[in-house]
Protein backbone atom coordinates (compact mmCIF):
# COMPACT_ATOMS: atom_id res chain seq x y z
CA UNK A 1 5.76 14.37 15.78
CA UNK A 2 3.48 15.62 13.03
CA UNK A 3 -0.18 14.62 13.34
CA UNK A 4 -2.53 14.80 10.36
CA UNK A 5 -6.18 13.86 9.83
CA UNK A 6 -7.02 10.91 7.57
CA UNK A 7 -10.54 9.80 6.64
CA UNK A 8 -10.72 6.09 7.30
CA UNK A 9 -12.95 3.86 5.22
CA UNK A 10 -15.08 2.63 8.13
CA UNK A 11 -14.36 4.67 11.28
CA UNK A 12 -14.43 8.31 10.18
CA UNK A 13 -11.54 10.71 10.79
CA UNK A 14 -8.35 9.45 12.43
CA UNK A 15 -5.39 11.52 13.61
CA UNK A 16 -2.12 9.79 12.76
CA UNK A 17 1.54 10.57 13.34
CA UNK A 18 2.81 11.06 9.79
CA UNK A 19 6.35 10.25 10.98
CA UNK A 20 5.22 6.77 12.09
CA UNK A 21 3.98 5.65 8.64
CA UNK A 22 5.96 2.57 7.66
CA UNK A 23 4.26 1.79 4.33
CA UNK A 24 1.25 2.27 2.07
CA UNK A 25 -0.27 -0.73 0.33
CA UNK A 26 -3.02 -1.06 -2.22
CA UNK A 27 -5.91 -3.31 -1.21
CA UNK A 28 -8.81 -4.39 -3.41
CA UNK A 29 -10.25 -0.89 -3.70
CA UNK A 30 -8.56 1.14 -0.94
CA UNK A 31 -5.12 2.23 0.18
CA UNK A 32 -3.99 0.90 3.56
CA UNK A 33 -1.69 2.99 5.75
CA UNK A 34 0.58 0.93 7.98
CA UNK A 35 1.92 2.56 11.12
CA UNK A 36 4.87 1.23 13.11
CA UNK A 37 3.58 -1.58 15.32
CA UNK A 38 -0.12 -0.94 14.69
CA UNK A 39 -2.99 -2.34 12.62
CA UNK A 40 -3.37 -1.00 9.06
CA UNK A 41 -5.84 1.81 8.48
CA UNK A 42 -8.19 1.39 5.50
CA UNK A 43 -8.47 4.85 3.93
CA UNK A 44 -10.76 6.43 1.36
CA UNK A 45 -7.84 6.87 -1.05
CA UNK A 46 -8.13 4.85 -4.25
CA UNK A 47 -4.48 4.97 -5.31
CA UNK A 48 -1.11 5.28 -3.59
CA UNK A 49 0.01 8.40 -5.51
CA UNK A 50 -2.94 10.44 -4.23
CA UNK A 51 -2.43 9.16 -0.68
CA UNK A 52 1.24 10.18 -0.72
CA UNK A 53 0.41 13.59 -2.17
CA UNK A 54 -2.17 14.21 0.57
CA UNK A 55 0.15 13.05 3.37
CA UNK A 56 2.91 15.37 2.16
CA UNK A 57 0.59 18.39 1.79
CA UNK A 58 -1.77 17.88 4.75
CA UNK A 59 -1.84 20.54 7.43
CA UNK A 60 -0.54 19.47 10.80
CA UNK A 61 -2.98 19.25 13.66
CA UNK A 62 -2.16 21.84 16.29
CA UNK A 63 -2.49 20.65 19.87
CA UNK A 64 -2.89 23.22 22.63
CA UNK A 65 -2.82 22.78 26.37
CA UNK A 66 -5.29 24.38 28.75
CA UNK A 67 -3.97 26.43 31.63
């Protein structure tokens, strides 16, 4: 799994599994990210090309476990 941060339109930052993205769709003025079996996420992206570019280039979130 590869988690990345996305700024949602209404709920602030969201960590998503980039491997679970099933599609991107343009809404009235935002791009929606659809994840497998989940509700769409309204993002702050204004076109699909920029959303795809960000998803491909975004740094992965590193998760560490406490001892």
